Amino acid sequence: MNSPVTPPDKLCAACGRVITWRKKWERDWAQVKFCSERCRRKRVGTSEETAILELLATRAGGASICPSEVARQLSPDGWRELMEPVREAARRLVAKGELVITQGGRVVDPSTAKGPIRLARARR
């Protein structure tokens, strides 16, 4: 008797978190793009991604930035509301191979990182 092969994980198109295959998605796994209803309803913008890349372009080679710097650049008065969208954009950029997320100078998994993070260009 053959054991079924579990499909590989995917990344949410909205927030960049890992989506792990579940039995309930067996027939529709190819169409699964979002990790939750919240992400499915959310409109994904690229302004945060652009702002991250533009801010990194102004820094020296291996320099990193804090997500709050990006949020403050986008909205000096309402930056706190932009923190999660900036982190989501950073996770999407990690998935594209353009960025790494670090904590304490070490690259971390963006799906599970908690607390303060830094954003840096991926080394090619």
Protein backbone atom coordinates (compact mmCIF):
# COMPACT_ATOMS: atom_id res chain seq x y z
CA MET A 1 0.00 0.00 0.00
CA ASN A 2 1.46 3.33 -1.06
CA SER A 3 1.47 6.18 1.41
CA PRO A 4 0.22 9.45 -0.08
CA VAL A 5 2.82 12.07 -0.91
CA THR A 6 2.31 15.32 0.97
CA PRO A 7 2.62 18.34 -1.33
CA PRO A 8 5.26 20.95 -0.45
CA ASP A 9 4.37 23.98 1.63
CA LYS A 10 3.41 27.25 -0.06
CA LEU A 11 3.67 30.89 0.92
CA CYS A 12 0.59 33.05 1.41
CA ALA A 13 0.26 35.56 -1.44
CA ALA A 14 -0.86 38.28 0.99
CA CYS A 15 1.24 37.94 4.13
CA GLY A 16 4.10 35.65 3.07
CA ARG A 17 3.57 33.12 5.87
CA VAL A 18 3.96 29.40 5.23
CA ILE A 19 0.82 27.46 4.31
CA THR A 20 1.12 23.80 5.24
CA TRP A 21 -0.95 21.28 3.29
CA ARG A 22 -4.04 20.00 5.08
CA LYS A 23 -6.31 17.11 4.17
CA LYS A 24 -9.28 19.48 3.69
CA TRP A 25 -7.44 21.09 0.75
CA GLU A 26 -6.64 17.79 -0.95
CA ARG A 27 -8.69 18.46 -4.10
CA ASP A 28 -8.01 22.22 -4.24
CA TRP A 29 -4.34 22.48 -3.16
CA ALA A 30 -3.30 23.86 -6.55
CA GLN A 31 -5.67 26.81 -6.08
CA VAL A 32 -4.79 27.59 -2.44
CA LYS A 33 -3.06 30.99 -2.35
CA PHE A 34 -3.95 32.45 1.05
CA CYS A 35 -3.45 31.25 4.63
CA SER A 36 -6.72 32.65 5.98
CA GLU A 37 -9.96 34.43 5.14
CA ARG A 38 -8.38 37.67 6.37
CA CYS A 39 -5.60 37.35 3.81
CA ARG A 40 -8.04 36.35 1.08
CA ARG A 41 -10.06 39.56 1.65
CA LYS A 42 -7.04 41.81 2.01
CA ARG A 43 -5.89 43.73 -1.01
CA VAL A 44 -2.18 43.22 -1.46
CA GLY A 45 -0.30 46.39 -2.30
CA THR A 46 3.23 46.75 -3.49
CA SER A 47 3.92 50.22 -2.07
CA GLU A 48 5.48 48.70 1.06
CA GLU A 49 7.70 46.41 -1.02
CA THR A 50 8.82 49.34 -3.15
CA ALA A 51 9.52 51.47 -0.06
CA ILE A 52 11.64 48.69 1.51
CA LEU A 53 13.74 48.27 -1.63
CA GLU A 54 14.13 52.02 -2.13
CA LEU A 55 15.24 52.58 1.47
CA LEU A 56 17.74 49.71 1.26
CA ALA A 57 19.11 51.21 -1.97
CA THR A 58 20.08 54.35 -0.04
CA ARG A 59 22.13 52.35 2.47
CA ALA A 60 25.63 50.95 2.24
CA GLY A 61 26.14 47.45 0.79
CA GLY A 62 25.29 45.10 3.64
CA ALA A 63 23.33 47.54 5.80
CA SER A 64 19.96 46.57 7.22
CA ILE A 65 16.89 48.59 8.09
CA CYS A 66 14.14 48.35 10.67
CA PRO A 67 10.57 47.87 9.41
CA SER A 68 9.59 50.94 11.44
CA GLU A 69 11.86 53.10 9.25
CA VAL A 70 9.84 52.04 6.21
CA ALA A 71 6.52 52.59 7.99
CA ARG A 72 7.61 56.07 9.15
CA GLN A 73 8.69 56.96 5.63
CA LEU A 74 5.28 55.93 4.25
CA SER A 75 3.22 57.64 6.97
CA PRO A 76 5.03 59.74 9.59
CA ASP A 77 1.90 60.16 11.71
CA GLY A 78 0.22 56.78 11.19
CA TRP A 79 3.29 54.57 10.97
CA ARG A 80 2.22 52.14 13.69
CA GLU A 81 -0.73 50.92 11.60
CA LEU A 82 1.71 50.13 8.78
CA MET A 83 4.03 47.90 10.81
CA GLU A 84 2.28 44.62 9.96
CA PRO A 85 1.82 45.50 6.26
CA VAL A 86 5.56 46.30 6.09
CA ARG A 87 6.43 42.98 7.76
CA GLU A 88 4.10 41.19 5.31
CA ALA A 89 5.78 42.93 2.38
CA ALA A 90 9.17 41.87 3.77
CA ARG A 91 8.01 38.23 3.92
CA ARG A 92 6.88 38.45 0.28
CA LEU A 93 10.29 39.85 -0.71
CA VAL A 94 12.00 37.01 1.16
CA ALA A 95 9.89 34.55 -0.84
CA LYS A 96 11.05 36.26 -4.05
CA GLY A 97 14.68 35.94 -2.92
CA GLU A 98 15.27 39.70 -2.76
CA LEU A 99 15.48 40.12 1.02
CA VAL A 100 16.54 38.38 4.23
CA ILE A 101 15.08 38.94 7.68
CA THR A 102 17.50 38.87 10.59
CA GLN A 103 17.40 38.87 14.38
CA GLY A 104 20.57 39.34 16.34
CA GLY A 105 22.55 39.32 13.09
CA ARG A 106 21.30 35.86 12.09
CA VAL A 107 18.93 35.09 9.23
CA VAL A 108 15.59 33.82 10.59
CA ASP A 109 12.51 32.17 9.12
CA PRO A 110 10.14 35.04 8.31
CA SER A 111 7.06 32.94 9.02
CA THR A 112 7.99 32.32 12.62
CA ALA A 113 10.04 35.40 13.55
CA LYS A 114 8.68 37.18 16.63
CA GLY A 115 9.89 40.46 18.04
CA PRO A 116 12.31 42.99 16.56
CA ILE A 117 13.62 42.17 13.09
CA ARG A 118 15.94 43.79 10.56
CA LEU A 119 15.61 43.75 6.78
CA ALA A 120 18.58 43.38 4.44
CA ARG A 121 19.16 42.66 0.78
CA ALA A 122 19.73 38.98 0.01
CA ARG A 123 23.27 38.20 -1.05
CA ARG A 124 23.45 36.92 -4.57
